[in-house]
Amino acid sequence: MAAPTLLAISHGTSSDVGASAVAGLVDAVADRLDGEAPVRAGFVDVQQPDVPTCLADLRETSTVLVPLLLSAGFHVHVDLTEDVDAAVAGGQHVTLAGALGPDTRLVDLLERRLVEAGLTEGDVIVLAAAGSSDARAVADCERTGILLAERTGHPVRVGYLANATPQLADVVGSVRLEHPDTRIVTASYLIAPGYFQTLAERAGGDLTTPPLLPADAPAPPELVEIVVDRYRAAR
């Protein structure tokens, strides 16, 4: 039997730079799976094609949908689950894989971004996450913060940019009051450049790392490996 198609579903963005970075990740996954499985891409919001359109185009094959999302929140547990259930009810063979995080390889990547940005002894790290109304996604982000603290030996606080508290700017302000002479490094726990990355950079930290996917560089091997692993596990 032919291998299932890997349908990589990202959030979608109005940022051309962010869209290009995500497309680069999908291309890298396709290169890694060349000869093993076909790879397609779609979006849960903002961009097209949306998930139902993608699945309708894949009626003649089995599909593994891999969310290019760092945490399993509303989009995974509700939007994507409903889309997959509807396709299965219509007779398709579709499996929903897990979100990308938490994963120690994401912590590897976060640590590398921090070192590249100039993290030094005594800095306090504030992890900047997108946020979600789903408590499970918030718990995933908090877990990543704990892993990052264990890895770096630095204190790590977590702040959110939308749909969850505490808000990133409030966390940065609180750390500033508690440690007025300490440098605050904002670690971007965001997939790609775009609106949320700009918000993270404006939240008051002394410096902010780039997102996990760089603007004009190859997709990090850690992200490629995680996407491929999620596909293979679900397949």
C-alpha atoms as a PDB file:
ATOM      1  CA  MET A   1       0.000   0.000   0.000  1.00  0.00           C
ATOM      2  CA  ALA A   2       1.085   3.559  -0.657  1.00  0.00           C
ATOM      3  CA  ALA A   3       2.188   5.523   2.392  1.00  0.00           C
ATOM      4  CA  PRO A   4      -0.340   7.996   3.784  1.00  0.00           C
ATOM      5  CA  THR A   5       0.028  11.600   2.714  1.00  0.00           C
ATOM      6  CA  LEU A   6       1.475  13.867   5.393  1.00  0.00           C
ATOM      7  CA  LEU A   7      -0.816  16.888   5.540  1.00  0.00           C
ATOM      8  CA  ALA A   8       1.071  19.608   7.426  1.00  0.00           C
ATOM      9  CA  ILE A   9      -1.396  22.113   8.876  1.00  0.00           C
ATOM     10  CA  SER A  10      -0.069  25.385  10.260  1.00  0.00           C
ATOM     11  CA  HIS A  11      -2.013  28.216  11.866  1.00  0.00           C
ATOM     12  CA  GLY A  12      -1.639  30.587   8.934  1.00  0.00           C
ATOM     13  CA  THR A  13      -0.323  34.127   8.959  1.00  0.00           C
ATOM     14  CA  SER A  14      -0.711  37.428   7.141  1.00  0.00           C
ATOM     15  CA  SER A  15       3.072  37.890   7.298  1.00  0.00           C
ATOM     16  CA  ASP A  16       4.789  37.069   4.021  1.00  0.00           C
ATOM     17  CA  VAL A  17       8.034  36.403   5.882  1.00  0.00           C
ATOM     18  CA  GLY A  18       6.282  34.082   8.323  1.00  0.00           C
ATOM     19  CA  ALA A  19       4.463  32.257   5.536  1.00  0.00           C
ATOM     20  CA  SER A  20       7.753  31.760   3.702  1.00  0.00           C
ATOM     21  CA  ALA A  21       9.411  30.363   6.844  1.00  0.00           C
ATOM     22  CA  VAL A  22       6.610  27.832   7.380  1.00  0.00           C
ATOM     23  CA  ALA A  23       6.706  26.856   3.704  1.00  0.00           C
ATOM     24  CA  GLY A  24      10.421  26.235   4.117  1.00  0.00           C
ATOM     25  CA  LEU A  25       9.700  23.820   6.965  1.00  0.00           C
ATOM     26  CA  VAL A  26       7.152  21.927   4.848  1.00  0.00           C
ATOM     27  CA  ASP A  27       9.649  21.741   1.974  1.00  0.00           C
ATOM     28  CA  ALA A  28      12.329  20.398   4.329  1.00  0.00           C
ATOM     29  CA  VAL A  29       9.926  17.731   5.602  1.00  0.00           C
ATOM     30  CA  ALA A  30       9.085  16.791   2.016  1.00  0.00           C
ATOM     31  CA  ASP A  31      12.793  16.450   1.246  1.00  0.00           C
ATOM     32  CA  ARG A  32      13.293  14.261   4.321  1.00  0.00           C
ATOM     33  CA  LEU A  33      10.375  11.997   3.313  1.00  0.00           C
ATOM     34  CA  ASP A  34      11.235  11.925  -0.389  1.00  0.00           C
ATOM     35  CA  GLY A  35      10.531   8.405  -1.582  1.00  0.00           C
ATOM     36  CA  GLU A  36       8.692   7.531   1.645  1.00  0.00           C
ATOM     37  CA  ALA A  37       5.560   9.676   1.628  1.00  0.00           C
ATOM     38  CA  PRO A  38       3.969  12.610  -0.192  1.00  0.00           C
ATOM     39  CA  VAL A  39       3.661  15.891   1.712  1.00  0.00           C
ATOM     40  CA  ARG A  40       0.968  18.540   1.360  1.00  0.00           C
ATOM     41  CA  ALA A  41       0.258  21.749   3.283  1.00  0.00           C
ATOM     42  CA  GLY A  42      -2.778  23.668   4.490  1.00  0.00           C
ATOM     43  CA  PHE A  43      -3.942  26.049   7.192  1.00  0.00           C
ATOM     44  CA  VAL A  44      -6.322  26.118  10.110  1.00  0.00           C
ATOM     45  CA  ASP A  45      -6.822  29.920   9.891  1.00  0.00           C
ATOM     46  CA  VAL A  46      -5.923  33.063   7.904  1.00  0.00           C
ATOM     47  CA  GLN A  47      -4.535  31.378   4.767  1.00  0.00           C
ATOM     48  CA  GLN A  48      -5.869  28.971   2.178  1.00  0.00           C
ATOM     49  CA  PRO A  49      -6.342  26.118   1.463  1.00  0.00           C
ATOM     50  CA  ASP A  50      -8.188  25.312   4.670  1.00  0.00           C
ATOM     51  CA  VAL A  51      -8.359  21.840   6.173  1.00  0.00           C
ATOM     52  CA  PRO A  52     -11.681  20.678   4.645  1.00  0.00           C
ATOM     53  CA  THR A  53     -10.449  21.729   1.197  1.00  0.00           C
ATOM     54  CA  CYS A  54      -7.181  19.851   1.675  1.00  0.00           C
ATOM     55  CA  LEU A  55      -8.930  16.708   2.882  1.00  0.00           C
ATOM     56  CA  ALA A  56     -11.422  16.848   0.009  1.00  0.00           C
ATOM     57  CA  ASP A  57      -8.485  16.875  -2.409  1.00  0.00           C
ATOM     58  CA  LEU A  58      -7.048  13.797  -0.672  1.00  0.00           C
ATOM     59  CA  ARG A  59     -10.126  11.555  -0.904  1.00  0.00           C
ATOM     60  CA  GLU A  60      -8.257   8.934  -2.904  1.00  0.00           C
ATOM     61  CA  THR A  61      -5.507   8.417  -0.326  1.00  0.00           C
ATOM     62  CA  SER A  62      -5.084   7.906   3.388  1.00  0.00           C
ATOM     63  CA  THR A  63      -3.833  10.939   5.270  1.00  0.00           C
ATOM     64  CA  VAL A  64      -1.966  11.769   8.454  1.00  0.00           C
ATOM     65  CA  LEU A  65      -2.654  15.347   9.515  1.00  0.00           C
ATOM     66  CA  VAL A  66       0.277  16.810  11.459  1.00  0.00           C
ATOM     67  CA  PRO A  67      -0.433  20.111  13.255  1.00  0.00           C
ATOM     68  CA  LEU A  68       2.489  22.519  12.918  1.00  0.00           C
ATOM     69  CA  LEU A  69       1.497  23.898  16.306  1.00  0.00           C
ATOM     70  CA  LEU A  70       3.676  23.987  19.413  1.00  0.00           C
ATOM     71  CA  SER A  71       0.887  23.038  21.823  1.00  0.00           C
ATOM     72  CA  ALA A  72      -2.333  21.074  21.591  1.00  0.00           C
ATOM     73  CA  GLY A  73      -4.979  23.712  22.253  1.00  0.00           C
ATOM     74  CA  PHE A  74      -8.345  24.673  20.765  1.00  0.00           C
ATOM     75  CA  HIS A  75      -7.210  24.287  17.158  1.00  0.00           C
ATOM     76  CA  VAL A  76      -6.061  20.702  17.751  1.00  0.00           C
ATOM     77  CA  HIS A  77      -8.728  19.499  20.185  1.00  0.00           C
ATOM     78  CA  VAL A  78     -11.675  21.204  18.461  1.00  0.00           C
ATOM     79  CA  ASP A  79     -11.040  22.580  14.952  1.00  0.00           C
ATOM     80  CA  LEU A  80      -8.777  19.869  13.588  1.00  0.00           C
ATOM     81  CA  THR A  81     -10.531  17.086  15.472  1.00  0.00           C
ATOM     82  CA  GLU A  82     -13.884  18.125  13.988  1.00  0.00           C
ATOM     83  CA  ASP A  83     -12.405  18.337  10.483  1.00  0.00           C
ATOM     84  CA  VAL A  84     -10.839  14.885  10.786  1.00  0.00           C
ATOM     85  CA  ASP A  85     -14.002  13.371  12.280  1.00  0.00           C
ATOM     86  CA  ALA A  86     -16.070  14.802   9.425  1.00  0.00           C
ATOM     87  CA  ALA A  87     -13.693  13.347   6.838  1.00  0.00           C
ATOM     88  CA  VAL A  88     -13.722   9.935   8.528  1.00  0.00           C
ATOM     89  CA  ALA A  89     -17.528  10.005   8.678  1.00  0.00           C
ATOM     90  CA  GLY A  90     -17.450  10.626   4.939  1.00  0.00           C
ATOM     91  CA  GLY A  91     -15.444   7.469   4.373  1.00  0.00           C
ATOM     92  CA  GLN A  92     -11.896   8.794   4.333  1.00  0.00           C
ATOM     93  CA  HIS A  93      -8.977   7.323   6.246  1.00  0.00           C
ATOM     94  CA  VAL A  94      -7.539  10.270   8.163  1.00  0.00           C
ATOM     95  CA  THR A  95      -5.473  10.236  11.343  1.00  0.00           C
ATOM     96  CA  LEU A  96      -4.680  13.275  13.503  1.00  0.00           C
ATOM     97  CA  ALA A  97      -1.123  13.318  14.823  1.00  0.00           C
ATOM     98  CA  GLY A  98       0.071  15.103  17.941  1.00  0.00           C
ATOM     99  CA  ALA A  99       1.204  18.702  18.238  1.00  0.00           C
ATOM    100  CA  LEU A 100       4.913  19.474  18.067  1.00  0.00           C
ATOM    101  CA  GLY A 101       5.390  20.168  21.757  1.00  0.00           C
ATOM    102  CA  PRO A 102       6.312  19.720  24.472  1.00  0.00           C
ATOM    103  CA  ASP A 103       9.465  18.045  23.189  1.00  0.00           C
ATOM    104  CA  THR A 104      13.045  18.162  24.418  1.00  0.00           C
ATOM    105  CA  ARG A 105      14.181  18.954  20.866  1.00  0.00           C
ATOM    106  CA  LEU A 106      12.219  22.199  21.049  1.00  0.00           C
ATOM    107  CA  VAL A 107      14.119  22.941  24.251  1.00  0.00           C
ATOM    108  CA  ASP A 108      17.349  22.240  22.331  1.00  0.00           C
ATOM    109  CA  LEU A 109      16.288  24.806  19.755  1.00  0.00           C
ATOM    110  CA  LEU A 110      15.212  27.368  22.351  1.00  0.00           C
ATOM    111  CA  GLU A 111      18.555  26.997  24.111  1.00  0.00           C
ATOM    112  CA  ARG A 112      20.448  27.481  20.850  1.00  0.00           C
ATOM    113  CA  ARG A 113      18.477  30.635  20.059  1.00  0.00           C
ATOM    114  CA  LEU A 114      19.287  31.963  23.548  1.00  0.00           C
ATOM    115  CA  VAL A 115      22.999  31.241  23.218  1.00  0.00           C
ATOM    116  CA  GLU A 116      23.063  32.847  19.783  1.00  0.00           C
ATOM    117  CA  ALA A 117      21.341  35.931  21.237  1.00  0.00           C
ATOM    118  CA  GLY A 118      23.998  36.254  23.938  1.00  0.00           C
ATOM    119  CA  LEU A 119      22.478  34.716  27.070  1.00  0.00           C
ATOM    120  CA  THR A 120      24.852  35.241  29.996  1.00  0.00           C
ATOM    121  CA  GLU A 121      25.032  34.232  33.634  1.00  0.00           C
ATOM    122  CA  GLY A 122      22.535  36.114  35.771  1.00  0.00           C
ATOM    123  CA  ASP A 123      19.955  36.700  33.039  1.00  0.00           C
ATOM    124  CA  VAL A 124      16.306  35.888  33.680  1.00  0.00           C
ATOM    125  CA  ILE A 125      14.478  34.190  30.829  1.00  0.00           C
ATOM    126  CA  VAL A 126      10.851  34.951  30.022  1.00  0.00           C
ATOM    127  CA  LEU A 127       9.352  32.415  27.635  1.00  0.00           C
ATOM    128  CA  ALA A 128       7.004  34.157  25.189  1.00  0.00           C
ATOM    129  CA  ALA A 129       4.190  31.841  24.087  1.00  0.00           C
ATOM    130  CA  ALA A 130       1.248  32.582  21.834  1.00  0.00           C
ATOM    131  CA  GLY A 131      -1.338  31.543  24.422  1.00  0.00           C
ATOM    132  CA  SER A 132      -4.549  29.571  24.217  1.00  0.00           C
ATOM    133  CA  SER A 133      -7.984  29.432  25.791  1.00  0.00           C
ATOM    134  CA  ASP A 134      -7.386  25.692  26.277  1.00  0.00           C
ATOM    135  CA  ALA A 135      -5.801  24.906  29.642  1.00  0.00           C
ATOM    136  CA  ARG A 136      -4.053  21.882  28.140  1.00  0.00           C
ATOM    137  CA  ALA A 137      -2.071  24.104  25.782  1.00  0.00           C
ATOM    138  CA  VAL A 138      -1.138  26.424  28.640  1.00  0.00           C
ATOM    139  CA  ALA A 139       0.071  23.412  30.621  1.00  0.00           C
ATOM    140  CA  ASP A 140       2.202  22.375  27.641  1.00  0.00           C
ATOM    141  CA  CYS A 141       3.852  25.806  27.588  1.00  0.00           C
ATOM    142  CA  GLU A 142       4.463  25.739  31.333  1.00  0.00           C
ATOM    143  CA  ARG A 143       6.081  22.328  30.938  1.00  0.00           C
ATOM    144  CA  THR A 144       8.370  23.729  28.261  1.00  0.00           C
ATOM    145  CA  GLY A 145       9.319  26.555  30.619  1.00  0.00           C
ATOM    146  CA  ILE A 146      10.273  24.035  33.306  1.00  0.00           C
ATOM    147  CA  LEU A 147      12.372  22.028  30.845  1.00  0.00           C
ATOM    148  CA  LEU A 148      14.110  25.194  29.636  1.00  0.00           C
ATOM    149  CA  ALA A 149      14.961  26.212  33.206  1.00  0.00           C
ATOM    150  CA  GLU A 150      16.393  22.765  33.899  1.00  0.00           C
ATOM    151  CA  ARG A 151      18.421  22.879  30.698  1.00  0.00           C
ATOM    152  CA  THR A 152      19.869  26.378  31.033  1.00  0.00           C
ATOM    153  CA  GLY A 153      20.131  26.745  34.807  1.00  0.00           C
ATOM    154  CA  HIS A 154      18.414  30.140  34.498  1.00  0.00           C
ATOM    155  CA  PRO A 155      15.112  31.103  36.113  1.00  0.00           C
ATOM    156  CA  VAL A 156      12.321  30.952  33.534  1.00  0.00           C
ATOM    157  CA  ARG A 157       8.936  32.611  33.680  1.00  0.00           C
ATOM    158  CA  VAL A 158       6.218  32.102  31.057  1.00  0.00           C
ATOM    159  CA  GLY A 159       4.115  34.891  29.571  1.00  0.00           C
ATOM    160  CA  TYR A 160       1.420  34.798  26.897  1.00  0.00           C
ATOM    161  CA  LEU A 161       0.590  37.074  23.997  1.00  0.00           C
ATOM    162  CA  ALA A 162      -3.133  36.252  23.702  1.00  0.00           C
ATOM    163  CA  ASN A 163      -5.951  34.163  25.193  1.00  0.00           C
ATOM    164  CA  ALA A 164      -4.108  33.256  28.401  1.00  0.00           C
ATOM    165  CA  THR A 165      -2.621  34.844  31.478  1.00  0.00           C
ATOM    166  CA  PRO A 166      -0.244  36.120  32.666  1.00  0.00           C
ATOM    167  CA  GLN A 167       0.352  38.370  29.695  1.00  0.00           C
ATOM    168  CA  LEU A 168       3.930  38.611  28.497  1.00  0.00           C
ATOM    169  CA  ALA A 169       4.333  42.335  29.153  1.00  0.00           C
ATOM    170  CA  ASP A 170       3.014  41.871  32.708  1.00  0.00           C
ATOM    171  CA  VAL A 171       5.514  39.086  33.371  1.00  0.00           C
ATOM    172  CA  VAL A 172       8.391  41.185  32.054  1.00  0.00           C
ATOM    173  CA  GLY A 173       7.249  44.106  34.206  1.00  0.00           C
ATOM    174  CA  SER A 174       6.988  41.910  37.276  1.00  0.00           C
ATOM    175  CA  VAL A 175      10.473  40.478  36.766  1.00  0.00           C
ATOM    176  CA  ARG A 176      11.791  44.019  36.273  1.00  0.00           C
ATOM    177  CA  LEU A 177      10.386  45.065  39.642  1.00  0.00           C
ATOM    178  CA  GLU A 178      11.677  41.963  41.400  1.00  0.00           C
ATOM    179  CA  HIS A 179      15.135  42.113  39.824  1.00  0.00           C
ATOM    180  CA  PRO A 180      15.772  45.729  38.789  1.00  0.00           C
ATOM    181  CA  ASP A 181      19.440  45.166  37.975  1.00  0.00           C
ATOM    182  CA  THR A 182      18.968  41.920  36.063  1.00  0.00           C
ATOM    183  CA  ARG A 183      18.824  41.592  32.298  1.00  0.00           C
ATOM    184  CA  ILE A 184      15.613  40.045  30.952  1.00  0.00           C
ATOM    185  CA  VAL A 185      15.887  37.835  27.889  1.00  0.00           C
ATOM    186  CA  THR A 186      12.644  37.046  26.093  1.00  0.00           C
ATOM    187  CA  ALA A 187      12.777  33.581  24.529  1.00  0.00           C
ATOM    188  CA  SER A 188      10.395  33.436  21.592  1.00  0.00           C
ATOM    189  CA  TYR A 189       8.368  30.221  21.723  1.00  0.00           C
ATOM    190  CA  LEU A 190       6.732  31.008  18.390  1.00  0.00           C
ATOM    191  CA  ILE A 191       6.938  29.067  15.164  1.00  0.00           C
ATOM    192  CA  ALA A 192       7.671  31.889  12.720  1.00  0.00           C
ATOM    193  CA  PRO A 193       8.073  35.644  12.245  1.00  0.00           C
ATOM    194  CA  GLY A 194       4.886  37.671  12.229  1.00  0.00           C
ATOM    195  CA  TYR A 195       2.553  39.723  14.379  1.00  0.00           C
ATOM    196  CA  PHE A 196       3.112  37.783  17.605  1.00  0.00           C
ATOM    197  CA  GLN A 197       6.890  37.946  17.208  1.00  0.00           C
ATOM    198  CA  THR A 198       6.598  41.726  16.922  1.00  0.00           C
ATOM    199  CA  LEU A 199       4.510  41.793  20.104  1.00  0.00           C
ATOM    200  CA  ALA A 200       7.139  39.703  21.893  1.00  0.00           C
ATOM    201  CA  GLU A 201       9.876  42.106  20.823  1.00  0.00           C
ATOM    202  CA  ARG A 202       7.866  45.056  22.155  1.00  0.00           C
ATOM    203  CA  ALA A 203       7.007  43.481  25.527  1.00  0.00           C
ATOM    204  CA  GLY A 204       9.841  45.161  27.400  1.00  0.00           C
ATOM    205  CA  GLY A 205      12.623  42.580  27.532  1.00  0.00           C
ATOM    206  CA  ASP A 206      16.211  43.684  27.109  1.00  0.00           C
ATOM    207  CA  LEU A 207      16.592  41.368  24.143  1.00  0.00           C
ATOM    208  CA  THR A 208      14.348  38.918  22.323  1.00  0.00           C
ATOM    209  CA  THR A 209      15.361  35.780  20.477  1.00  0.00           C
ATOM    210  CA  PRO A 210      14.143  35.065  16.944  1.00  0.00           C
ATOM    211  CA  PRO A 211      11.283  32.590  16.511  1.00  0.00           C
ATOM    212  CA  LEU A 212      11.988  28.894  16.089  1.00  0.00           C
ATOM    213  CA  LEU A 213      11.806  29.148  12.293  1.00  0.00           C
ATOM    214  CA  PRO A 214      14.257  31.783  11.044  1.00  0.00           C
ATOM    215  CA  ALA A 215      13.229  34.296   8.412  1.00  0.00           C
ATOM    216  CA  ASP A 216      15.903  33.576   5.808  1.00  0.00           C
ATOM    217  CA  ALA A 217      17.624  30.313   6.740  1.00  0.00           C
ATOM    218  CA  PRO A 218      16.972  26.591   6.391  1.00  0.00           C
ATOM    219  CA  ALA A 219      14.405  25.030   8.720  1.00  0.00           C
ATOM    220  CA  PRO A 220      16.092  23.772  11.919  1.00  0.00           C
ATOM    221  CA  PRO A 221      16.667  20.004  11.868  1.00  0.00           C
ATOM    222  CA  GLU A 222      14.932  19.651  15.243  1.00  0.00           C
ATOM    223  CA  LEU A 223      11.628  20.881  13.821  1.00  0.00           C
ATOM    224  CA  VAL A 224      11.944  18.711  10.730  1.00  0.00           C
ATOM    225  CA  GLU A 225      12.641  15.653  12.888  1.00  0.00           C
ATOM    226  CA  ILE A 226       9.666  16.319  15.163  1.00  0.00           C
ATOM    227  CA  VAL A 227       7.237  16.683  12.243  1.00  0.00           C
ATOM    228  CA  VAL A 228       8.525  13.459  10.672  1.00  0.00           C
ATOM    229  CA  ASP A 229       8.312  11.642  14.021  1.00  0.00           C
ATOM    230  CA  ARG A 230       4.731  12.795  14.591  1.00  0.00           C
ATOM    231  CA  TYR A 231       3.808  11.516  11.138  1.00  0.00           C
ATOM    232  CA  ARG A 232       5.480   8.150  11.590  1.00  0.00           C
ATOM    233  CA  ALA A 233       3.992   7.636  15.067  1.00  0.00           C
ATOM    234  CA  ALA A 234       0.466   8.367  13.827  1.00  0.00           C
ATOM    235  CA  ARG A 235       0.916   6.288  10.667  1.00  0.00           C
END
